[in-house]
Amino acid sequence: MIKHIASAILILAATNLQAQEKVKWQLDSCISFAQEENIQINRSKLNMERVEQDELNAKASLLPSLNASASQGFNFGQSIDPFTNQFATERVQYGNYGASLSFDLFRGLSKYKEVKRSQSDYEVNKLETDRMIND
């Protein structure tokens, strides 16, 4: 009976050793593959990119807003000249141009606090992603 148990243990050990020899993955490559293919880590990295974009938008909201517009037109045939209010039979050219600049002088430091919040969100998300990778 002892011979049968000893031979069974040797057979199992031999098959286990053969299976381990056939595997060509190293521990480092297994870990890196798991980190690259983990769905939670990939979601966290995408969330980190979103938070990074939110931080950029919060910083951009501190800058002034500049808008410009231009339009050019021609009237042909008989029309009313908008400058003289007379009938004109030749071509009348007109143009409208405009620009505006706006910025908030003071909004209770809400934009500054929004930038700080987005920076802290980024740090929290980065630490959470690092924790997932380490786990």
Protein backbone atom coordinates (compact mmCIF):
# COMPACT_ATOMS: atom_id res chain seq x y z
CA MET A 1 0.00 0.00 0.00
CA ILE A 2 2.83 2.38 0.85
CA LYS A 3 4.45 1.58 -2.52
CA HIS A 4 1.25 2.60 -4.31
CA ILE A 5 0.99 5.92 -2.44
CA ALA A 6 4.68 6.68 -3.00
CA SER A 7 4.40 5.89 -6.72
CA ALA A 8 1.26 8.06 -7.01
CA ILE A 9 3.06 10.98 -5.33
CA LEU A 10 6.06 10.56 -7.67
CA ILE A 11 3.79 10.46 -10.74
CA LEU A 12 1.92 13.59 -9.62
CA ALA A 13 5.18 15.37 -8.84
CA ALA A 14 6.62 14.44 -12.22
CA THR A 15 3.55 15.65 -14.12
CA ASN A 16 3.51 18.84 -12.07
CA LEU A 17 7.18 19.46 -12.88
CA GLN A 18 6.61 18.81 -16.56
CA ALA A 19 3.69 21.25 -16.64
CA GLN A 20 5.79 23.94 -14.99
CA GLU A 21 8.64 23.43 -17.43
CA LYS A 22 6.37 23.92 -20.46
CA VAL A 23 5.19 27.35 -19.29
CA LYS A 24 7.41 30.07 -20.74
CA TRP A 25 5.88 33.00 -18.88
CA GLN A 26 8.03 34.70 -16.29
CA LEU A 27 6.53 36.31 -13.22
CA ASP A 28 7.26 39.84 -14.47
CA SER A 29 5.57 39.19 -17.81
CA CYS A 30 2.55 37.65 -16.07
CA ILE A 31 2.17 40.68 -13.82
CA SER A 32 2.55 43.17 -16.67
CA PHE A 33 0.05 41.22 -18.80
CA ALA A 34 -2.45 41.19 -15.95
CA GLN A 35 -2.03 44.94 -15.42
CA GLU A 36 -2.50 45.68 -19.12
CA GLU A 37 -5.58 43.48 -19.53
CA ASN A 38 -7.37 44.19 -16.24
CA ILE A 39 -10.72 45.85 -16.97
CA GLN A 40 -10.89 47.74 -13.67
CA ILE A 41 -7.41 49.17 -14.15
CA ASN A 42 -8.23 50.21 -17.72
CA ARG A 43 -11.46 51.87 -16.54
CA SER A 44 -9.56 53.67 -13.83
CA LYS A 45 -6.98 54.89 -16.37
CA LEU A 46 -9.77 56.18 -18.63
CA ASN A 47 -11.38 57.88 -15.66
CA MET A 48 -8.02 59.43 -14.86
CA GLU A 49 -7.85 60.87 -18.38
CA ARG A 50 -11.36 62.28 -17.96
CA VAL A 51 -10.45 63.89 -14.64
CA GLU A 52 -7.30 65.30 -16.24
CA GLN A 53 -9.46 66.87 -18.98
CA ASP A 54 -11.79 68.30 -16.32
CA GLU A 55 -8.79 69.89 -14.63
CA LEU A 56 -7.71 71.42 -17.93
CA ASN A 57 -11.24 72.78 -18.51
CA ALA A 58 -11.31 74.25 -14.99
CA LYS A 59 -8.03 76.05 -15.62
CA ALA A 60 -9.26 77.28 -19.00
CA SER A 61 -12.37 78.74 -17.38
CA LEU A 62 -10.10 81.23 -15.58
CA LEU A 63 -9.13 82.78 -18.91
CA PRO A 64 -11.22 85.51 -20.57
CA SER A 65 -13.57 84.65 -23.42
CA LEU A 66 -12.99 86.32 -26.79
CA ASN A 67 -15.58 86.19 -29.57
CA ALA A 68 -15.36 87.77 -33.01
CA SER A 69 -17.73 87.92 -35.95
CA ALA A 70 -17.66 89.31 -39.47
CA SER A 71 -20.13 89.39 -42.34
CA GLN A 72 -19.87 90.90 -45.79
CA GLY A 73 -22.66 91.31 -48.33
CA PHE A 74 -23.59 92.77 -51.70
CA ASN A 75 -26.95 93.95 -53.04
CA PHE A 76 -27.40 93.92 -56.82
CA GLY A 77 -30.19 95.52 -58.85
CA GLN A 78 -32.60 98.07 -57.51
CA SER A 79 -32.38 98.22 -53.74
CA ILE A 80 -32.29 100.74 -50.96
CA ASP A 81 -28.84 101.93 -49.97
CA PRO A 82 -28.73 101.44 -46.17
CA PHE A 83 -26.32 104.37 -45.76
CA THR A 84 -28.20 107.05 -47.70
CA ASN A 85 -31.72 105.52 -47.66
CA GLN A 86 -32.02 106.22 -51.40
CA PHE A 87 -32.79 103.83 -54.25
CA ALA A 88 -29.65 102.48 -55.84
CA THR A 89 -29.43 100.60 -59.11
CA GLU A 90 -25.79 99.66 -58.86
CA ARG A 91 -24.11 97.30 -56.47
CA VAL A 92 -24.23 98.21 -52.77
CA GLN A 93 -21.65 96.63 -50.51
CA TYR A 94 -22.07 96.32 -46.77
CA GLY A 95 -20.22 94.69 -43.92
CA ASN A 96 -20.76 94.00 -40.25
CA TYR A 97 -17.87 93.34 -37.92
CA GLY A 98 -17.79 92.76 -34.23
CA ALA A 99 -15.75 91.48 -31.34
CA SER A 100 -16.44 90.93 -27.68
CA LEU A 101 -14.29 90.08 -24.70
CA SER A 102 -15.71 88.88 -21.42
CA PHE A 103 -14.33 87.65 -18.13
CA ASP A 104 -15.51 87.35 -14.57
CA LEU A 105 -14.05 89.89 -12.20
CA PHE A 106 -15.08 88.03 -9.07
CA ARG A 107 -17.33 85.04 -8.53
CA GLY A 108 -16.68 84.22 -4.93
CA LEU A 109 -13.51 82.28 -5.73
CA SER A 110 -15.68 79.50 -7.20
CA LYS A 111 -13.46 79.06 -10.26
CA TYR A 112 -10.34 78.92 -8.12
CA LYS A 113 -11.98 76.32 -5.88
CA GLU A 114 -13.09 74.37 -8.94
CA VAL A 115 -9.48 74.19 -10.13
CA LYS A 116 -8.36 73.00 -6.69
CA ARG A 117 -11.15 70.40 -6.61
CA SER A 118 -10.22 69.07 -10.04
CA GLN A 119 -6.57 68.84 -8.99
CA SER A 120 -7.48 66.89 -5.87
CA ASP A 121 -9.81 64.64 -7.92
CA TYR A 122 -6.89 63.90 -10.21
CA GLU A 123 -4.63 63.01 -7.28
CA VAL A 124 -7.30 60.78 -5.71
CA ASN A 125 -7.89 59.01 -9.01
CA LYS A 126 -4.16 58.54 -9.53
CA LEU A 127 -3.76 57.00 -6.09
CA GLU A 128 -6.77 54.76 -6.68
CA THR A 129 -5.30 53.56 -9.99
CA ASP A 130 -1.95 52.88 -8.30
CA ARG A 131 -3.74 50.93 -5.57
CA MET A 132 -5.53 48.81 -8.18
CA ILE A 133 -2.26 48.10 -9.98
CA ASN A 134 -0.58 47.09 -6.72
CA ASP A 135 -3.49 44.86 -5.77
